[in-house]
Structures are given as C-alpha cells and as structure tokens.
Amino acid sequence: QVQLVESGGGLVQYGGSLRLSCAASTLILDYYHIAWFRQAPGKEREGILCMTNNGSTTYADSVKGRFTISRDNVNNAVYLQMNSLKPEDTAVYYCNARDLWARDVWGQGTQVTVSS
C-alpha cells in the first residue's frame, strides 16, 4: 500500500523554526508533484506550497519568504522548512503526492503549534 508519513511537527515559539519531513514507501517521490497543505481548527484545508516533478515551485502568499520545500531523492523524502513561524501557522500539516493522472496520496498529518 502506498504511504506517505509526515514527521517533525511539534510546539515552537513565535519566530522559531521547524522542518517537516514527508517520507514515502512503495512510490518514488521524484516522479510525483508534491504539495504541502495545512488545516487549522475550524478551517478548510489549504494548499501552501507545491513542487512539480520537474522542480517548479509555487508558494501561497501566507508562507512566501518563510517556508521552503525541497526534495531528497536519496532518501525518497520531501521537506518543508518553516522559518519565522507565527501563531497563525498553527495547523495540522499534510503532505500530498499527485501523479500524472492526478491520483492523490496523502499522509496522516503532523501537528504544528506556534505559541505567542
């Protein structure tokens, strides 16, 4: 079964940093478009950034300049580096992989909490 597993979430203070990881089993992430989504309590899930399989990236305005996505093809993983964190970044963060036929694979999510 195809799986994505996120890790690296936790509690951090305002202005701090975290790096989330998204590791894959049974699929090669390099072939997929990768996106990170987040869902805050009481809000809809929102896409915050994505990277196509050829390396093009798109960032939501809310995270531009603070968050960075990167791939690690050796370890078959994707990372989300989050800097200058704000309380409004508090959410469950999800990794998504989409293939060329628009089939999606989701991870289980990891909680990020930013204290003020």
C-alpha atoms as a PDB file:
ATOM      1  CA  GLN A   1       0.000   0.000   0.000  1.00  0.00           C
ATOM      2  CA  VAL A   2       1.267   3.430  -0.929  1.00  0.00           C
ATOM      3  CA  GLN A   3       2.010   5.529   2.108  1.00  0.00           C
ATOM      4  CA  LEU A   4       3.288   8.960   2.973  1.00  0.00           C
ATOM      5  CA  VAL A   5       4.445   9.606   6.511  1.00  0.00           C
ATOM      6  CA  GLU A   6       4.927  13.096   7.857  1.00  0.00           C
ATOM      7  CA  SER A   7       7.082  13.866  10.861  1.00  0.00           C
ATOM      8  CA  GLY A   8       8.769  16.788  12.549  1.00  0.00           C
ATOM      9  CA  GLY A   9       5.791  18.632  13.947  1.00  0.00           C
ATOM     10  CA  GLY A  10       5.660  19.961  17.465  1.00  0.00           C
ATOM     11  CA  LEU A  11       5.405  23.017  19.645  1.00  0.00           C
ATOM     12  CA  VAL A  12       7.547  26.035  18.811  1.00  0.00           C
ATOM     13  CA  GLN A  13       7.640  29.629  19.941  1.00  0.00           C
ATOM     14  CA  TYR A  14       6.788  32.628  17.807  1.00  0.00           C
ATOM     15  CA  GLY A  15       9.638  33.301  15.403  1.00  0.00           C
ATOM     16  CA  GLY A  16      11.013  29.798  15.673  1.00  0.00           C
ATOM     17  CA  SER A  17      11.648  27.173  13.019  1.00  0.00           C
ATOM     18  CA  LEU A  18      10.642  23.615  12.274  1.00  0.00           C
ATOM     19  CA  ARG A  19      11.415  21.191   9.494  1.00  0.00           C
ATOM     20  CA  LEU A  20       8.742  18.746   8.472  1.00  0.00           C
ATOM     21  CA  SER A  21       9.583  15.572   6.629  1.00  0.00           C
ATOM     22  CA  CYS A  22       7.452  13.525   4.279  1.00  0.00           C
ATOM     23  CA  ALA A  23       8.781  10.057   3.613  1.00  0.00           C
ATOM     24  CA  ALA A  24       7.381   7.615   1.092  1.00  0.00           C
ATOM     25  CA  SER A  25       7.125   3.884   0.896  1.00  0.00           C
ATOM     26  CA  THR A  26       6.241   1.984  -2.283  1.00  0.00           C
ATOM     27  CA  LEU A  27       6.450   5.061  -4.503  1.00  0.00           C
ATOM     28  CA  ILE A  28       9.289   7.174  -5.820  1.00  0.00           C
ATOM     29  CA  LEU A  29       8.570  10.755  -4.890  1.00  0.00           C
ATOM     30  CA  ASP A  30      10.790  12.140  -7.632  1.00  0.00           C
ATOM     31  CA  TYR A  31       8.120  11.162 -10.171  1.00  0.00           C
ATOM     32  CA  TYR A  32       5.343  12.990  -8.343  1.00  0.00           C
ATOM     33  CA  HIS A  33       4.169  16.533  -7.892  1.00  0.00           C
ATOM     34  CA  ILE A  34       4.427  17.246  -4.180  1.00  0.00           C
ATOM     35  CA  ALA A  35       2.375  19.697  -2.167  1.00  0.00           C
ATOM     36  CA  TRP A  36       2.036  20.659   1.456  1.00  0.00           C
ATOM     37  CA  PHE A  37      -1.365  21.518   2.842  1.00  0.00           C
ATOM     38  CA  ARG A  38      -2.452  22.589   6.279  1.00  0.00           C
ATOM     39  CA  GLN A  39      -5.696  22.666   8.179  1.00  0.00           C
ATOM     40  CA  ALA A  40      -6.248  24.903  11.172  1.00  0.00           C
ATOM     41  CA  PRO A  41      -9.041  24.210  13.680  1.00  0.00           C
ATOM     42  CA  GLY A  42     -12.396  25.187  12.240  1.00  0.00           C
ATOM     43  CA  LYS A  43     -10.946  25.993   8.838  1.00  0.00           C
ATOM     44  CA  GLU A  44     -10.755  24.261   5.498  1.00  0.00           C
ATOM     45  CA  ARG A  45      -7.603  22.551   4.340  1.00  0.00           C
ATOM     46  CA  GLU A  46      -5.462  24.944   2.309  1.00  0.00           C
ATOM     47  CA  GLY A  47      -2.548  24.387  -0.018  1.00  0.00           C
ATOM     48  CA  ILE A  48       0.508  26.358   0.971  1.00  0.00           C
ATOM     49  CA  LEU A  49       3.153  25.274  -1.490  1.00  0.00           C
ATOM     50  CA  CYS A  50       3.933  22.739  -4.132  1.00  0.00           C
ATOM     51  CA  MET A  51       6.758  21.453  -6.252  1.00  0.00           C
ATOM     52  CA  THR A  52       6.231  19.817  -9.621  1.00  0.00           C
ATOM     53  CA  ASN A  53       8.178  16.744 -10.650  1.00  0.00           C
ATOM     54  CA  ASN A  54      10.485  18.988 -12.676  1.00  0.00           C
ATOM     55  CA  GLY A  55      11.245  21.265  -9.742  1.00  0.00           C
ATOM     56  CA  SER A  56       8.983  24.265 -10.296  1.00  0.00           C
ATOM     57  CA  THR A  57       7.632  25.666  -7.051  1.00  0.00           C
ATOM     58  CA  THR A  58       4.631  27.731  -6.103  1.00  0.00           C
ATOM     59  CA  TYR A  59       4.063  29.331  -2.710  1.00  0.00           C
ATOM     60  CA  ALA A  60       0.970  30.774  -1.109  1.00  0.00           C
ATOM     61  CA  ASP A  61       1.355  34.402  -0.124  1.00  0.00           C
ATOM     62  CA  SER A  62       0.888  33.475   3.526  1.00  0.00           C
ATOM     63  CA  VAL A  63       4.146  31.480   3.592  1.00  0.00           C
ATOM     64  CA  LYS A  64       6.211  33.099   0.852  1.00  0.00           C
ATOM     65  CA  GLY A  65       9.644  34.061   2.086  1.00  0.00           C
ATOM     66  CA  ARG A  66       9.312  31.951   5.235  1.00  0.00           C
ATOM     67  CA  PHE A  67       8.683  28.367   4.074  1.00  0.00           C
ATOM     68  CA  THR A  68      10.753  26.322   1.642  1.00  0.00           C
ATOM     69  CA  ILE A  69      10.071  22.949   0.043  1.00  0.00           C
ATOM     70  CA  SER A  70      12.870  20.634  -1.003  1.00  0.00           C
ATOM     71  CA  ARG A  71      13.346  17.098  -2.251  1.00  0.00           C
ATOM     72  CA  ASP A  72      15.793  14.461  -1.090  1.00  0.00           C
ATOM     73  CA  ASN A  73      15.910  11.837  -3.813  1.00  0.00           C
ATOM     74  CA  VAL A  74      18.493   9.743  -1.981  1.00  0.00           C
ATOM     75  CA  ASN A  75      16.176   9.237   0.972  1.00  0.00           C
ATOM     76  CA  ASN A  76      12.968   9.435  -1.087  1.00  0.00           C
ATOM     77  CA  ALA A  77      11.662  12.251   1.050  1.00  0.00           C
ATOM     78  CA  VAL A  78      10.396  15.800   0.832  1.00  0.00           C
ATOM     79  CA  TYR A  79      10.974  18.503   3.410  1.00  0.00           C
ATOM     80  CA  LEU A  80       9.164  21.624   4.469  1.00  0.00           C
ATOM     81  CA  GLN A  81      11.449  24.126   6.172  1.00  0.00           C
ATOM     82  CA  MET A  82       9.402  26.624   8.148  1.00  0.00           C
ATOM     83  CA  ASN A  83      11.044  29.751   9.499  1.00  0.00           C
ATOM     84  CA  SER A  84       9.734  32.831  11.281  1.00  0.00           C
ATOM     85  CA  LEU A  85       6.725  30.888  12.489  1.00  0.00           C
ATOM     86  CA  LYS A  86       3.633  32.732  13.649  1.00  0.00           C
ATOM     87  CA  PRO A  87       0.683  31.610  15.779  1.00  0.00           C
ATOM     88  CA  GLU A  88      -1.474  31.662  12.653  1.00  0.00           C
ATOM     89  CA  ASP A  89       0.715  28.895  11.239  1.00  0.00           C
ATOM     90  CA  THR A  90      -0.732  26.550  13.861  1.00  0.00           C
ATOM     91  CA  ALA A  91      -2.373  23.682  11.997  1.00  0.00           C
ATOM     92  CA  VAL A  92      -2.123  20.058  11.033  1.00  0.00           C
ATOM     93  CA  TYR A  93       0.250  19.832   8.089  1.00  0.00           C
ATOM     94  CA  TYR A  94      -0.261  17.262   5.351  1.00  0.00           C
ATOM     95  CA  CYS A  95       1.970  16.038   2.586  1.00  0.00           C
ATOM     96  CA  ASN A  96       0.352  15.220  -0.768  1.00  0.00           C
ATOM     97  CA  ALA A  97       1.773  13.396  -3.779  1.00  0.00           C
ATOM     98  CA  ARG A  98      -0.006  13.583  -7.128  1.00  0.00           C
ATOM     99  CA  ASP A  99       0.899  11.513 -10.161  1.00  0.00           C
ATOM    100  CA  LEU A 100       0.488  12.410 -13.831  1.00  0.00           C
ATOM    101  CA  TRP A 101      -3.067  11.034 -13.813  1.00  0.00           C
ATOM    102  CA  ALA A 102      -3.985  13.326 -10.927  1.00  0.00           C
ATOM    103  CA  ARG A 103      -4.221  10.494  -8.435  1.00  0.00           C
ATOM    104  CA  ASP A 104      -3.506  11.711  -4.931  1.00  0.00           C
ATOM    105  CA  VAL A 105      -1.765  10.118  -1.995  1.00  0.00           C
ATOM    106  CA  TRP A 106      -1.992  11.774   1.411  1.00  0.00           C
ATOM    107  CA  GLY A 107      -0.081  11.430   4.617  1.00  0.00           C
ATOM    108  CA  GLN A 108      -1.721  11.266   8.016  1.00  0.00           C
ATOM    109  CA  GLY A 109      -0.669  14.769   9.032  1.00  0.00           C
ATOM    110  CA  THR A 110       1.558  16.224  11.706  1.00  0.00           C
ATOM    111  CA  GLN A 111       0.568  18.882  14.225  1.00  0.00           C
ATOM    112  CA  VAL A 112       2.402  22.190  14.344  1.00  0.00           C
ATOM    113  CA  THR A 113       1.635  24.557  17.197  1.00  0.00           C
ATOM    114  CA  VAL A 114       3.169  28.017  17.434  1.00  0.00           C
ATOM    115  CA  SER A 115       2.894  29.777  20.774  1.00  0.00           C
ATOM    116  CA  SER A 116       2.786  33.544  21.039  1.00  0.00           C
END
